[in-house]
Amino acid sequence: MEIIISNEPEEQEYIENIRTAIETVGRLYGVADSEVSVTLTDNEHIHVINREYRGVDRPTDVISFAFNESEEPEVVGGSTVNMLGDLIISLERAEEQAADYGHSVRREVAFLTVHGMLHLLGYDHMEDEEREEMEAEQRFVMDKLGISRD
């Protein structure tokens, strides 16, 4: 899996954790030959993105931009790499939520990565049935990662 990670501001502590979560989702869901871009940021930056792209005027924890949701024109002679999309994760929000939920930041960052990856694969949680399915998938992946609510 090709994983491109950028940091705004620079933060290295959770990079391996994020890579492992993405690679695990890739392996489990048959998209290991895909590409994902990840931006690690803070609440201020993700707030702007959330407002501009989702119309929600507050910071959030993770935003996913799936590239496979719409009909895109075929690129002739282009790359055969499956571009899944972009994940934007607020590490500041992950730290806040970890404290609120009483588990490690490592666990929260992995969970947000898995949650975002599932969105890139088409899972959603707008309706109760979808939410239940997505929550089951999240538990499945977190179990495969060996990360519990510690």
N, C-alpha and C. Protein backbone atom coordinates (compact mmCIF):
# COMPACT_ATOMS: atom_id res chain seq x y z
N MET A 1 0.86 -1.17 0.00
CA MET A 1 0.00 0.00 0.00
C MET A 1 0.90 1.23 0.00
N GLU A 2 0.62 2.16 -0.87
CA GLU A 2 1.33 3.43 -0.90
C GLU A 2 0.62 4.38 0.06
N ILE A 3 1.36 4.87 1.05
CA ILE A 3 0.80 5.76 2.06
C ILE A 3 1.63 7.04 2.09
N ILE A 4 0.99 8.15 1.85
CA ILE A 4 1.66 9.45 1.87
C ILE A 4 1.16 10.20 3.09
N ILE A 5 2.06 10.55 4.00
CA ILE A 5 1.67 11.24 5.23
C ILE A 5 2.34 12.59 5.30
N SER A 6 1.53 13.62 5.48
CA SER A 6 2.07 14.95 5.71
C SER A 6 1.58 15.44 7.05
N ASN A 7 2.37 16.33 7.64
CA ASN A 7 2.07 16.81 8.98
C ASN A 7 1.94 18.31 9.00
N GLU A 8 0.89 18.79 9.59
CA GLU A 8 0.68 20.22 9.78
C GLU A 8 0.10 20.43 11.17
N PRO A 9 0.83 20.71 12.20
CA PRO A 9 2.28 20.86 12.30
C PRO A 9 2.98 19.50 12.34
N GLU A 10 4.30 19.53 12.27
CA GLU A 10 5.12 18.32 12.22
C GLU A 10 4.91 17.46 13.47
N GLU A 11 4.62 16.19 13.28
CA GLU A 11 4.39 15.25 14.38
C GLU A 11 4.75 13.85 13.89
N GLN A 12 5.71 13.20 14.53
CA GLN A 12 6.17 11.88 14.10
C GLN A 12 5.69 10.74 14.99
N GLU A 13 5.21 11.05 16.17
CA GLU A 13 4.94 10.02 17.17
C GLU A 13 3.98 8.93 16.72
N TYR A 14 2.97 9.25 15.92
CA TYR A 14 1.92 8.28 15.59
C TYR A 14 2.00 7.75 14.16
N ILE A 15 3.05 8.08 13.43
CA ILE A 15 3.16 7.71 12.02
C ILE A 15 3.10 6.19 11.83
N GLU A 16 3.90 5.43 12.58
CA GLU A 16 3.92 3.97 12.43
C GLU A 16 2.57 3.36 12.78
N ASN A 17 1.93 3.90 13.80
CA ASN A 17 0.60 3.46 14.21
C ASN A 17 -0.41 3.64 13.07
N ILE A 18 -0.35 4.77 12.41
CA ILE A 18 -1.25 5.08 11.29
C ILE A 18 -0.95 4.15 10.11
N ARG A 19 0.32 3.97 9.79
CA ARG A 19 0.70 3.08 8.69
C ARG A 19 0.19 1.66 8.93
N THR A 20 0.38 1.17 10.14
CA THR A 20 -0.07 -0.19 10.47
C THR A 20 -1.58 -0.32 10.32
N ALA A 21 -2.33 0.68 10.80
CA ALA A 21 -3.79 0.64 10.68
C ALA A 21 -4.22 0.64 9.21
N ILE A 22 -3.60 1.48 8.40
CA ILE A 22 -3.96 1.55 6.98
C ILE A 22 -3.59 0.26 6.27
N GLU A 23 -2.41 -0.26 6.52
CA GLU A 23 -1.98 -1.50 5.88
C GLU A 23 -2.88 -2.67 6.29
N THR A 24 -3.32 -2.69 7.53
CA THR A 24 -4.21 -3.76 7.99
C THR A 24 -5.55 -3.68 7.28
N VAL A 25 -6.12 -2.48 7.18
CA VAL A 25 -7.37 -2.31 6.44
C VAL A 25 -7.16 -2.73 4.98
N GLY A 26 -6.05 -2.33 4.39
CA GLY A 26 -5.77 -2.70 3.01
C GLY A 26 -5.74 -4.20 2.81
N ARG A 27 -5.08 -4.90 3.70
CA ARG A 27 -4.98 -6.35 3.62
C ARG A 27 -6.34 -7.01 3.85
N LEU A 28 -7.07 -6.58 4.87
CA LEU A 28 -8.36 -7.20 5.23
C LEU A 28 -9.44 -6.97 4.18
N TYR A 29 -9.38 -5.84 3.48
CA TYR A 29 -10.44 -5.48 2.54
C TYR A 29 -10.00 -5.55 1.07
N GLY A 30 -8.86 -6.15 0.82
CA GLY A 30 -8.43 -6.38 -0.55
C GLY A 30 -8.02 -5.14 -1.31
N VAL A 31 -7.52 -4.12 -0.61
CA VAL A 31 -7.09 -2.90 -1.29
C VAL A 31 -5.63 -2.57 -0.96
N ALA A 32 -4.84 -3.61 -0.73
CA ALA A 32 -3.45 -3.42 -0.34
C ALA A 32 -2.62 -2.75 -1.43
N ASP A 33 -3.06 -2.80 -2.67
CA ASP A 33 -2.33 -2.17 -3.77
C ASP A 33 -2.82 -0.76 -4.05
N SER A 34 -3.48 -0.15 -3.10
CA SER A 34 -4.05 1.18 -3.27
C SER A 34 -3.13 2.26 -2.70
N GLU A 35 -3.57 3.50 -2.88
CA GLU A 35 -2.83 4.63 -2.34
C GLU A 35 -3.76 5.48 -1.48
N VAL A 36 -3.23 5.94 -0.35
CA VAL A 36 -3.96 6.78 0.58
C VAL A 36 -3.05 7.94 0.98
N SER A 37 -3.60 9.11 1.04
CA SER A 37 -2.88 10.29 1.51
C SER A 37 -3.44 10.65 2.89
N VAL A 38 -2.55 10.91 3.85
CA VAL A 38 -2.96 11.26 5.20
C VAL A 38 -2.33 12.60 5.57
N THR A 39 -3.15 13.50 6.08
CA THR A 39 -2.66 14.76 6.63
C THR A 39 -2.96 14.76 8.12
N LEU A 40 -1.92 14.95 8.91
CA LEU A 40 -2.06 15.07 10.36
C LEU A 40 -2.04 16.55 10.69
N THR A 41 -3.03 16.99 11.45
CA THR A 41 -3.18 18.41 11.67
C THR A 41 -3.67 18.70 13.08
N ASP A 42 -4.12 19.93 13.29
CA ASP A 42 -4.64 20.35 14.59
C ASP A 42 -6.10 20.77 14.43
N ASN A 43 -6.74 21.15 15.53
CA ASN A 43 -8.15 21.52 15.50
C ASN A 43 -8.43 22.74 14.62
N GLU A 44 -7.54 23.71 14.65
CA GLU A 44 -7.76 24.93 13.87
C GLU A 44 -7.84 24.62 12.38
N HIS A 45 -6.91 23.82 11.88
CA HIS A 45 -6.86 23.50 10.46
C HIS A 45 -8.04 22.62 10.04
N ILE A 46 -8.36 21.60 10.83
CA ILE A 46 -9.46 20.70 10.46
C ILE A 46 -10.80 21.42 10.57
N HIS A 47 -10.89 22.42 11.45
CA HIS A 47 -12.11 23.23 11.58
C HIS A 47 -12.38 23.94 10.25
N VAL A 48 -11.36 24.54 9.67
CA VAL A 48 -11.51 25.24 8.39
C VAL A 48 -11.97 24.27 7.30
N ILE A 49 -11.35 23.11 7.24
CA ILE A 49 -11.71 22.11 6.22
C ILE A 49 -13.15 21.63 6.44
N ASN A 50 -13.51 21.36 7.69
CA ASN A 50 -14.85 20.90 8.03
C ASN A 50 -15.91 21.93 7.61
N ARG A 51 -15.61 23.20 7.84
CA ARG A 51 -16.53 24.28 7.48
C ARG A 51 -16.64 24.42 5.96
N GLU A 52 -15.50 24.41 5.29
CA GLU A 52 -15.50 24.64 3.84
C GLU A 52 -16.09 23.49 3.04
N TYR A 53 -15.80 22.25 3.44
CA TYR A 53 -16.19 21.10 2.63
C TYR A 53 -17.43 20.38 3.13
N ARG A 54 -17.74 20.51 4.41
CA ARG A 54 -18.89 19.79 4.96
C ARG A 54 -19.96 20.73 5.49
N GLY A 55 -19.65 22.04 5.56
CA GLY A 55 -20.61 23.00 6.06
C GLY A 55 -20.85 22.89 7.56
N VAL A 56 -19.90 22.30 8.28
CA VAL A 56 -20.01 22.12 9.73
C VAL A 56 -18.96 23.02 10.38
N ASP A 57 -19.42 24.01 11.13
CA ASP A 57 -18.53 25.05 11.65
C ASP A 57 -17.97 24.69 13.03
N ARG A 58 -17.18 23.63 13.06
CA ARG A 58 -16.49 23.21 14.29
C ARG A 58 -15.39 22.22 13.90
N PRO A 59 -14.42 22.06 14.78
CA PRO A 59 -13.40 21.04 14.50
C PRO A 59 -14.00 19.65 14.62
N THR A 60 -13.39 18.69 13.97
CA THR A 60 -13.79 17.29 14.06
C THR A 60 -12.53 16.45 14.22
N ASP A 61 -12.69 15.16 14.33
CA ASP A 61 -11.52 14.30 14.55
C ASP A 61 -10.90 13.78 13.26
N VAL A 62 -11.72 13.35 12.31
CA VAL A 62 -11.20 12.82 11.05
C VAL A 62 -12.17 13.17 9.92
N ILE A 63 -11.61 13.51 8.79
CA ILE A 63 -12.39 13.76 7.57
C ILE A 63 -11.81 12.88 6.48
N SER A 64 -12.70 12.25 5.73
CA SER A 64 -12.29 11.38 4.63
C SER A 64 -12.81 11.94 3.32
N PHE A 65 -11.94 11.97 2.33
CA PHE A 65 -12.34 12.36 0.98
C PHE A 65 -12.07 11.15 0.08
N ALA A 66 -13.12 10.40 -0.22
CA ALA A 66 -12.99 9.20 -1.04
C ALA A 66 -12.92 9.56 -2.51
N PHE A 67 -11.97 9.00 -3.23
CA PHE A 67 -11.83 9.26 -4.66
C PHE A 67 -12.70 8.34 -5.50
N ASN A 68 -13.22 7.27 -4.92
CA ASN A 68 -13.97 6.28 -5.70
C ASN A 68 -15.47 6.42 -5.54
N GLU A 69 -15.94 7.53 -4.98
CA GLU A 69 -17.38 7.71 -4.76
C GLU A 69 -18.12 8.17 -5.99
N SER A 70 -17.46 8.90 -6.86
CA SER A 70 -18.16 9.48 -8.00
C SER A 70 -17.63 8.90 -9.30
N GLU A 71 -18.35 9.20 -10.36
CA GLU A 71 -17.93 8.76 -11.68
C GLU A 71 -16.79 9.66 -12.16
N GLU A 72 -15.62 9.11 -12.22
CA GLU A 72 -14.45 9.86 -12.69
C GLU A 72 -14.13 9.41 -14.11
N PRO A 73 -13.69 10.32 -14.95
CA PRO A 73 -13.30 9.91 -16.30
C PRO A 73 -12.06 9.02 -16.23
N GLU A 74 -12.00 8.03 -17.11
CA GLU A 74 -10.85 7.14 -17.16
C GLU A 74 -9.66 7.89 -17.72
N VAL A 75 -8.53 7.73 -17.08
CA VAL A 75 -7.31 8.37 -17.54
C VAL A 75 -6.59 7.39 -18.45
N VAL A 76 -6.50 7.70 -19.71
CA VAL A 76 -5.86 6.83 -20.68
C VAL A 76 -4.35 6.91 -20.50
N GLY A 77 -3.73 5.75 -20.37
CA GLY A 77 -2.29 5.71 -20.19
C GLY A 77 -1.85 6.12 -18.80
N GLY A 78 -2.79 6.27 -17.91
CA GLY A 78 -2.47 6.70 -16.54
C GLY A 78 -2.07 5.53 -15.66
N SER A 79 -1.86 5.83 -14.43
CA SER A 79 -1.46 4.85 -13.44
C SER A 79 -2.59 3.87 -13.17
N THR A 80 -2.22 2.64 -12.84
CA THR A 80 -3.22 1.64 -12.49
C THR A 80 -3.40 1.54 -10.97
N VAL A 81 -2.79 2.45 -10.23
CA VAL A 81 -2.91 2.46 -8.78
C VAL A 81 -4.31 2.93 -8.40
N ASN A 82 -4.94 2.22 -7.47
CA ASN A 82 -6.25 2.60 -6.97
C ASN A 82 -6.07 3.70 -5.92
N MET A 83 -6.43 4.91 -6.27
CA MET A 83 -6.34 6.03 -5.33
C MET A 83 -7.59 6.02 -4.47
N LEU A 84 -7.47 5.54 -3.23
CA LEU A 84 -8.64 5.47 -2.35
C LEU A 84 -9.11 6.85 -1.92
N GLY A 85 -8.16 7.73 -1.56
CA GLY A 85 -8.55 9.06 -1.15
C GLY A 85 -7.64 9.65 -0.11
N ASP A 86 -8.17 10.67 0.56
CA ASP A 86 -7.41 11.43 1.56
C ASP A 86 -8.06 11.28 2.94
N LEU A 87 -7.21 11.17 3.95
CA LEU A 87 -7.64 11.23 5.34
C LEU A 87 -7.00 12.45 5.97
N ILE A 88 -7.78 13.20 6.73
CA ILE A 88 -7.26 14.32 7.50
C ILE A 88 -7.62 14.04 8.95
N ILE A 89 -6.59 13.95 9.79
CA ILE A 89 -6.79 13.59 11.20
C ILE A 89 -6.27 14.71 12.08
N SER A 90 -7.10 15.16 13.01
CA SER A 90 -6.67 16.14 13.99
C SER A 90 -6.07 15.39 15.18
N LEU A 91 -4.74 15.47 15.32
CA LEU A 91 -4.08 14.84 16.46
C LEU A 91 -4.47 15.53 17.76
N GLU A 92 -4.73 16.83 17.68
CA GLU A 92 -5.17 17.57 18.86
C GLU A 92 -6.51 17.01 19.35
N ARG A 93 -7.44 16.79 18.43
CA ARG A 93 -8.75 16.23 18.80
C ARG A 93 -8.60 14.80 19.29
N ALA A 94 -7.71 14.03 18.67
CA ALA A 94 -7.48 12.65 19.12
C ALA A 94 -7.00 12.62 20.56
N GLU A 95 -6.12 13.54 20.92
CA GLU A 95 -5.63 13.62 22.30
C GLU A 95 -6.76 13.98 23.26
N GLU A 96 -7.61 14.92 22.86
CA GLU A 96 -8.75 15.32 23.69
C GLU A 96 -9.71 14.15 23.90
N GLN A 97 -10.02 13.44 22.81
CA GLN A 97 -10.97 12.33 22.89
C GLN A 97 -10.41 11.18 23.69
N ALA A 98 -9.12 10.91 23.55
CA ALA A 98 -8.50 9.83 24.34
C ALA A 98 -8.66 10.13 25.83
N ALA A 99 -8.44 11.37 26.21
CA ALA A 99 -8.61 11.76 27.61
C ALA A 99 -10.08 11.63 28.03
N ASP A 100 -10.99 12.07 27.17
CA ASP A 100 -12.43 11.98 27.47
C ASP A 100 -12.88 10.53 27.63
N TYR A 101 -12.39 9.63 26.76
CA TYR A 101 -12.83 8.24 26.76
C TYR A 101 -12.01 7.36 27.70
N GLY A 102 -10.92 7.90 28.23
CA GLY A 102 -10.10 7.15 29.17
C GLY A 102 -9.27 6.04 28.55
N HIS A 103 -8.84 6.23 27.31
CA HIS A 103 -7.91 5.27 26.72
C HIS A 103 -6.72 6.01 26.12
N SER A 104 -5.78 5.27 25.56
CA SER A 104 -4.54 5.87 25.08
C SER A 104 -4.76 6.67 23.79
N VAL A 105 -3.87 7.62 23.56
CA VAL A 105 -3.90 8.38 22.31
C VAL A 105 -3.57 7.43 21.15
N ARG A 106 -2.67 6.48 21.39
CA ARG A 106 -2.32 5.48 20.36
C ARG A 106 -3.59 4.78 19.88
N ARG A 107 -4.45 4.37 20.81
CA ARG A 107 -5.69 3.68 20.47
C ARG A 107 -6.61 4.61 19.69
N GLU A 108 -6.72 5.86 20.12
CA GLU A 108 -7.62 6.80 19.46
C GLU A 108 -7.15 7.11 18.04
N VAL A 109 -5.86 7.31 17.85
CA VAL A 109 -5.34 7.59 16.50
C VAL A 109 -5.56 6.39 15.59
N ALA A 110 -5.33 5.17 16.09
CA ALA A 110 -5.59 3.98 15.29
C ALA A 110 -7.07 3.89 14.93
N PHE A 111 -7.94 4.13 15.91
CA PHE A 111 -9.38 4.08 15.67
C PHE A 111 -9.80 5.10 14.61
N LEU A 112 -9.32 6.33 14.72
CA LEU A 112 -9.68 7.37 13.75
C LEU A 112 -9.18 7.01 12.35
N THR A 113 -8.00 6.39 12.29
CA THR A 113 -7.47 5.96 11.00
C THR A 113 -8.36 4.87 10.40
N VAL A 114 -8.72 3.89 11.20
CA VAL A 114 -9.60 2.81 10.73
C VAL A 114 -10.95 3.38 10.31
N HIS A 115 -11.51 4.25 11.13
CA HIS A 115 -12.80 4.87 10.83
C HIS A 115 -12.74 5.60 9.48
N GLY A 116 -11.70 6.40 9.29
CA GLY A 116 -11.54 7.12 8.03
C GLY A 116 -11.35 6.19 6.85
N MET A 117 -10.56 5.13 7.03
CA MET A 117 -10.34 4.16 5.95
C MET A 117 -11.65 3.48 5.55
N LEU A 118 -12.46 3.14 6.53
CA LEU A 118 -13.75 2.51 6.21
C LEU A 118 -14.64 3.46 5.42
N HIS A 119 -14.58 4.75 5.74
CA HIS A 119 -15.32 5.73 4.92
C HIS A 119 -14.79 5.72 3.48
N LEU A 120 -13.48 5.64 3.32
CA LEU A 120 -12.91 5.60 1.96
C LEU A 120 -13.38 4.38 1.19
N LEU A 121 -13.70 3.31 1.92
CA LEU A 121 -14.18 2.08 1.29
C LEU A 121 -15.68 2.05 1.10
N GLY A 122 -16.37 3.14 1.50
CA GLY A 122 -17.80 3.25 1.25
C GLY A 122 -18.69 3.03 2.44
N TYR A 123 -18.13 2.73 3.59
CA TYR A 123 -18.96 2.56 4.80
C TYR A 123 -19.40 3.93 5.30
N ASP A 124 -20.58 3.96 5.93
CA ASP A 124 -21.11 5.20 6.45
C ASP A 124 -21.87 4.92 7.73
N HIS A 125 -22.30 5.97 8.42
CA HIS A 125 -23.01 5.80 9.68
C HIS A 125 -24.16 6.80 9.81
N MET A 126 -24.76 7.15 8.69
CA MET A 126 -25.86 8.10 8.71
C MET A 126 -27.17 7.46 9.18
N GLU A 127 -27.41 6.24 8.78
CA GLU A 127 -28.61 5.49 9.19
C GLU A 127 -28.21 4.45 10.22
N ASP A 128 -29.16 4.04 11.06
CA ASP A 128 -28.87 3.08 12.13
C ASP A 128 -28.25 1.79 11.61
N GLU A 129 -28.79 1.24 10.55
CA GLU A 129 -28.27 -0.02 10.00
C GLU A 129 -26.83 0.15 9.51
N GLU A 130 -26.58 1.26 8.82
CA GLU A 130 -25.22 1.56 8.35
C GLU A 130 -24.27 1.74 9.53
N ARG A 131 -24.73 2.45 10.55
CA ARG A 131 -23.91 2.71 11.74
C ARG A 131 -23.52 1.40 12.42
N GLU A 132 -24.50 0.50 12.57
CA GLU A 132 -24.23 -0.79 13.20
C GLU A 132 -23.21 -1.60 12.40
N GLU A 133 -23.36 -1.59 11.08
CA GLU A 133 -22.42 -2.32 10.22
C GLU A 133 -21.02 -1.72 10.33
N MET A 134 -20.94 -0.39 10.28
CA MET A 134 -19.63 0.26 10.36
C MET A 134 -18.99 0.02 11.73
N GLU A 135 -19.77 0.09 12.79
CA GLU A 135 -19.22 -0.17 14.12
C GLU A 135 -18.69 -1.60 14.23
N ALA A 136 -19.39 -2.56 13.63
CA ALA A 136 -18.92 -3.95 13.64
C ALA A 136 -17.61 -4.08 12.88
N GLU A 137 -17.50 -3.39 11.75
CA GLU A 137 -16.26 -3.42 10.96
C GLU A 137 -15.12 -2.77 11.74
N GLN A 138 -15.40 -1.68 12.42
CA GLN A 138 -14.37 -1.01 13.23
C GLN A 138 -13.86 -1.95 14.32
N ARG A 139 -14.79 -2.62 15.02
CA ARG A 139 -14.38 -3.57 16.07
C ARG A 139 -13.54 -4.70 15.48
N PHE A 140 -13.94 -5.20 14.31
CA PHE A 140 -13.22 -6.27 13.63
C PHE A 140 -11.77 -5.86 13.34
N VAL A 141 -11.59 -4.69 12.76
CA VAL A 141 -10.24 -4.23 12.41
C VAL A 141 -9.42 -3.94 13.66
N MET A 142 -10.02 -3.27 14.64
CA MET A 142 -9.29 -2.96 15.87
C MET A 142 -8.85 -4.25 16.57
N ASP A 143 -9.69 -5.28 16.51
CA ASP A 143 -9.33 -6.58 17.07
C ASP A 143 -8.14 -7.18 16.32
N LYS A 144 -8.16 -7.08 15.00
CA LYS A 144 -7.04 -7.59 14.18
C LYS A 144 -5.76 -6.81 14.48
N LEU A 145 -5.90 -5.54 14.82
CA LEU A 145 -4.74 -4.74 15.19
C LEU A 145 -4.26 -5.06 16.60
N GLY A 146 -5.11 -5.73 17.37
CA GLY A 146 -4.77 -6.06 18.76
C GLY A 146 -4.83 -4.86 19.67
N ILE A 147 -5.70 -3.90 19.31
CA ILE A 147 -5.82 -2.68 20.10
C ILE A 147 -7.21 -2.64 20.73
N SER A 148 -7.22 -2.66 22.04
CA SER A 148 -8.49 -2.59 22.76
C SER A 148 -8.65 -1.21 23.36
N ARG A 149 -9.77 -1.01 24.01
CA ARG A 149 -10.02 0.26 24.71
C ARG A 149 -9.24 0.25 26.01
N ASP A 150 -7.96 0.56 25.93
CA ASP A 150 -7.12 0.55 27.13
C ASP A 150 -7.06 1.88 27.82
